[in-house]
């Protein structure tokens, strides 16, 4: 179960950087149902299966939100870095023209 949780978290973080929220919600819901069914078929009670499904869904949602946050920070930093390099080249060119 730990390996499944880790895989779900890694996939969710990667998905946060690349796919839309509605697509991930459908994917996460299907994965949670699948995990619940597997737990139930392995002999656990219905309550335990539902609990496992909800737990994997929560882990996947937290991973998705983390991926969205981190990718947003990376994009913002790249944009700021690009804008600063353009501003530096403009100020260097204007200094050369004045001096």
Protein backbone atom coordinates (compact mmCIF):
# COMPACT_ATOMS: atom_id res chain seq x y z
CA UNK A 1 0.00 0.00 0.00
CA UNK A 2 2.92 2.33 0.70
CA UNK A 3 4.33 1.80 -2.78
CA UNK A 4 0.93 2.52 -4.32
CA UNK A 5 0.68 5.72 -2.30
CA UNK A 6 4.14 6.87 -3.33
CA UNK A 7 3.43 6.14 -7.00
CA UNK A 8 0.13 8.00 -6.80
CA UNK A 9 1.84 11.01 -5.19
CA UNK A 10 4.59 11.16 -7.83
CA UNK A 11 2.08 10.84 -10.68
CA UNK A 12 -0.08 13.53 -9.10
CA UNK A 13 2.82 15.96 -8.77
CA UNK A 14 3.75 15.41 -12.41
CA UNK A 15 0.11 15.83 -13.44
CA UNK A 16 -0.10 19.11 -11.56
CA UNK A 17 2.48 20.55 -13.91
CA UNK A 18 0.87 19.33 -17.10
CA UNK A 19 -2.88 18.63 -17.13
CA UNK A 20 -6.05 20.52 -16.32
CA UNK A 21 -7.84 20.16 -13.00
CA UNK A 22 -11.00 18.57 -14.43
CA UNK A 23 -8.98 15.90 -16.24
CA UNK A 24 -7.02 15.13 -13.09
CA UNK A 25 -10.20 14.98 -11.01
CA UNK A 26 -11.64 12.31 -13.31
CA UNK A 27 -8.34 10.39 -13.28
CA UNK A 28 -7.99 10.59 -9.49
CA UNK A 29 -11.58 9.48 -8.95
CA UNK A 30 -11.09 6.43 -11.18
CA UNK A 31 -7.82 5.52 -9.45
CA UNK A 32 -9.46 5.87 -6.02
CA UNK A 33 -12.31 3.60 -7.09
CA UNK A 34 -9.78 1.09 -8.41
CA UNK A 35 -7.81 1.08 -5.18
CA UNK A 36 -11.01 0.67 -3.17
CA UNK A 37 -12.10 -2.27 -5.30
CA UNK A 38 -8.70 -3.96 -5.01
CA UNK A 39 -8.69 -3.53 -1.23
CA UNK A 40 -12.22 -4.92 -1.03
CA UNK A 41 -11.39 -7.91 -3.23
CA UNK A 42 -8.35 -8.66 -1.05
CA UNK A 43 -10.74 -9.38 1.80
CA UNK A 44 -11.09 -6.08 3.64
CA UNK A 45 -14.43 -4.75 4.79
CA UNK A 46 -16.41 -2.21 2.81
CA UNK A 47 -15.54 0.49 5.36
CA UNK A 48 -11.82 -0.25 5.01
CA UNK A 49 -12.11 -0.18 1.21
CA UNK A 50 -13.89 3.17 1.28
CA UNK A 51 -11.32 4.51 3.73
CA UNK A 52 -8.47 3.39 1.47
CA UNK A 53 -10.12 4.97 -1.56
CA UNK A 54 -10.61 8.27 0.26
CA UNK A 55 -7.03 8.19 1.58
CA UNK A 56 -5.52 7.65 -1.88
CA UNK A 57 -7.78 10.38 -3.26
CA UNK A 58 -6.57 12.83 -0.61
CA UNK A 59 -2.93 11.96 -1.30
CA UNK A 60 -3.45 12.43 -5.03
CA UNK A 61 -5.16 15.79 -4.57
CA UNK A 62 -2.40 17.06 -2.28
CA UNK A 63 0.18 15.91 -4.82
CA UNK A 64 -1.68 17.63 -7.65
CA UNK A 65 -1.90 20.91 -5.76
CA UNK A 66 1.80 20.68 -4.90
CA UNK A 67 2.63 20.14 -8.57
CA UNK A 68 0.52 23.12 -9.62
CA UNK A 69 2.18 25.31 -7.00
CA UNK A 70 5.74 24.26 -7.86
CA UNK A 71 5.22 24.55 -11.62
CA UNK A 72 3.71 28.01 -11.12
CA UNK A 73 6.75 29.10 -9.13
CA UNK A 74 9.13 27.72 -11.76
CA UNK A 75 7.26 29.47 -14.57
CA UNK A 76 7.14 32.73 -12.62
CA UNK A 77 10.85 32.62 -11.85
CA UNK A 78 11.67 31.85 -15.49
CA UNK A 79 9.51 34.77 -16.63
CA UNK A 80 11.13 37.13 -14.12
CA UNK A 81 14.59 35.96 -15.11
CA UNK A 82 13.76 36.54 -18.78
CA UNK A 83 12.34 40.02 -18.08
CA UNK A 84 15.38 40.96 -16.01
CA UNK A 85 17.77 39.90 -18.75
CA UNK A 86 15.87 42.03 -21.27
CA UNK A 87 15.90 44.99 -18.87
CA UNK A 88 19.64 44.56 -18.28
CA UNK A 89 20.40 44.54 -21.99
CA UNK A 90 18.26 47.66 -22.54
CA UNK A 91 19.96 49.54 -19.70
CA UNK A 92 23.41 48.51 -20.93
CA UNK A 93 22.57 49.70 -24.46
CA UNK A 94 21.27 53.05 -23.18
CA UNK A 95 24.42 53.54 -21.09
CA UNK A 96 26.58 52.94 -24.16
CA UNK A 97 24.58 55.50 -26.14
CA UNK A 98 24.87 58.16 -23.42
CA UNK A 99 28.55 57.61 -22.65
